[in-house]
Amino acid sequence: MNNLRGYANLIIKAQQTYIEAKACMHVGFSRKRLGYQNMPSHDEVREFSKQLAGLTGHSVIDESEESLVVLLSKLESSRRFGNG
């Protein structure tokens, strides 16, 4: 999880409402490309996401520890469409 400023610049340029920061998972085919030591913990993903939010004007609005993912948004909460 290097180059925080580079990721922030891409997000700012793309003007995204939602950003999903997700870790590499050591499952399936990825096991042939990366070792288990390459999979960051959820705490590391959360910290990276908080720093990214501070640089981009987003806020952390949700997260899933078991999926190693954090949702950032420019909105205060996520919007749902349809019945889901």
Protein backbone atom coordinates (compact mmCIF):
# COMPACT_ATOMS: atom_id res chain seq x y z
CA MET A 1 0.00 0.00 0.00
CA ASN A 2 2.42 2.49 -1.34
CA ASN A 3 2.00 5.74 -3.23
CA LEU A 4 -0.94 7.12 -1.26
CA ARG A 5 -0.60 10.50 -2.98
CA GLY A 6 -0.72 8.85 -6.42
CA TYR A 7 -3.97 7.05 -5.59
CA ALA A 8 -5.43 10.26 -4.17
CA ASN A 9 -4.54 12.16 -7.35
CA LEU A 10 -6.27 9.53 -9.51
CA ILE A 11 -9.40 9.67 -7.36
CA ILE A 12 -9.49 13.47 -7.47
CA LYS A 13 -9.00 13.45 -11.24
CA ALA A 14 -11.76 10.85 -11.77
CA GLN A 15 -14.19 12.75 -9.48
CA GLN A 16 -15.64 9.54 -8.06
CA THR A 17 -18.49 9.57 -5.55
CA TYR A 18 -17.63 6.12 -4.16
CA ILE A 19 -14.23 4.51 -3.67
CA GLU A 20 -13.81 0.93 -2.49
CA ALA A 21 -10.42 0.29 -0.93
CA LYS A 22 -9.87 -3.46 -0.97
CA ALA A 23 -6.97 -5.71 -0.06
CA CYS A 24 -5.50 -8.43 -2.19
CA MET A 25 -6.99 -11.71 -0.99
CA HIS A 26 -4.80 -14.81 -0.86
CA VAL A 27 -7.41 -17.10 -2.44
CA GLY A 28 -7.93 -18.79 -5.79
CA PHE A 29 -5.58 -17.94 -8.63
CA SER A 30 -4.02 -15.03 -6.72
CA ARG A 31 -2.17 -17.62 -4.60
CA LYS A 32 -0.01 -18.34 -7.65
CA ARG A 33 0.91 -14.65 -8.06
CA LEU A 34 1.26 -13.32 -4.50
CA GLY A 35 2.14 -14.86 -1.18
CA TYR A 36 0.07 -14.70 2.00
CA GLN A 37 2.48 -12.06 3.33
CA ASN A 38 1.27 -9.72 0.55
CA MET A 39 -2.28 -9.66 1.98
CA PRO A 40 -2.70 -6.64 4.30
CA SER A 41 -4.81 -6.85 7.43
CA HIS A 42 -8.14 -5.06 7.69
CA ASP A 43 -6.56 -2.60 10.13
CA GLU A 44 -3.99 -1.70 7.46
CA VAL A 45 -6.72 -1.27 4.82
CA ARG A 46 -8.75 0.88 7.24
CA GLU A 47 -5.76 3.11 8.05
CA PHE A 48 -4.88 3.49 4.36
CA SER A 49 -8.53 4.36 3.64
CA LYS A 50 -8.65 7.00 6.37
CA GLN A 51 -5.52 8.63 4.99
CA LEU A 52 -6.92 8.45 1.46
CA ALA A 53 -10.20 9.99 2.63
CA GLY A 54 -8.31 12.90 4.17
CA LEU A 55 -6.53 13.60 0.90
CA THR A 56 -9.59 13.32 -1.35
CA GLY A 57 -12.47 14.85 0.61
CA HIS A 58 -14.20 11.50 1.06
CA SER A 59 -15.40 9.89 4.30
CA VAL A 60 -15.38 6.29 5.45
CA ILE A 61 -19.05 5.25 5.38
CA ASP A 62 -18.89 1.45 5.64
CA GLU A 63 -16.50 -1.48 5.87
CA SER A 64 -16.41 -5.26 5.92
CA GLU A 65 -13.67 -6.75 8.03
CA GLU A 66 -14.08 -10.29 6.66
CA SER A 67 -13.81 -8.98 3.07
CA LEU A 68 -10.92 -6.59 3.85
CA VAL A 69 -12.78 -3.70 2.23
CA VAL A 70 -13.59 -0.10 3.20
CA LEU A 71 -16.12 2.09 1.40
CA LEU A 72 -15.37 5.80 1.00
CA SER A 73 -17.89 8.33 -0.27
CA LYS A 74 -18.40 12.03 -0.82
CA LEU A 75 -21.97 11.43 0.46
CA GLU A 76 -22.83 10.98 4.15
CA SER A 77 -24.32 7.52 3.51
CA SER A 78 -24.68 5.15 0.59
CA ARG A 79 -27.65 5.42 -1.76
CA ARG A 80 -29.54 2.27 -2.67
CA PHE A 81 -31.41 1.83 -5.91
CA GLY A 82 -34.17 -0.69 -6.61
CA ASN A 83 -35.14 -3.35 -4.11
CA GLY A 84 -31.59 -4.22 -3.03
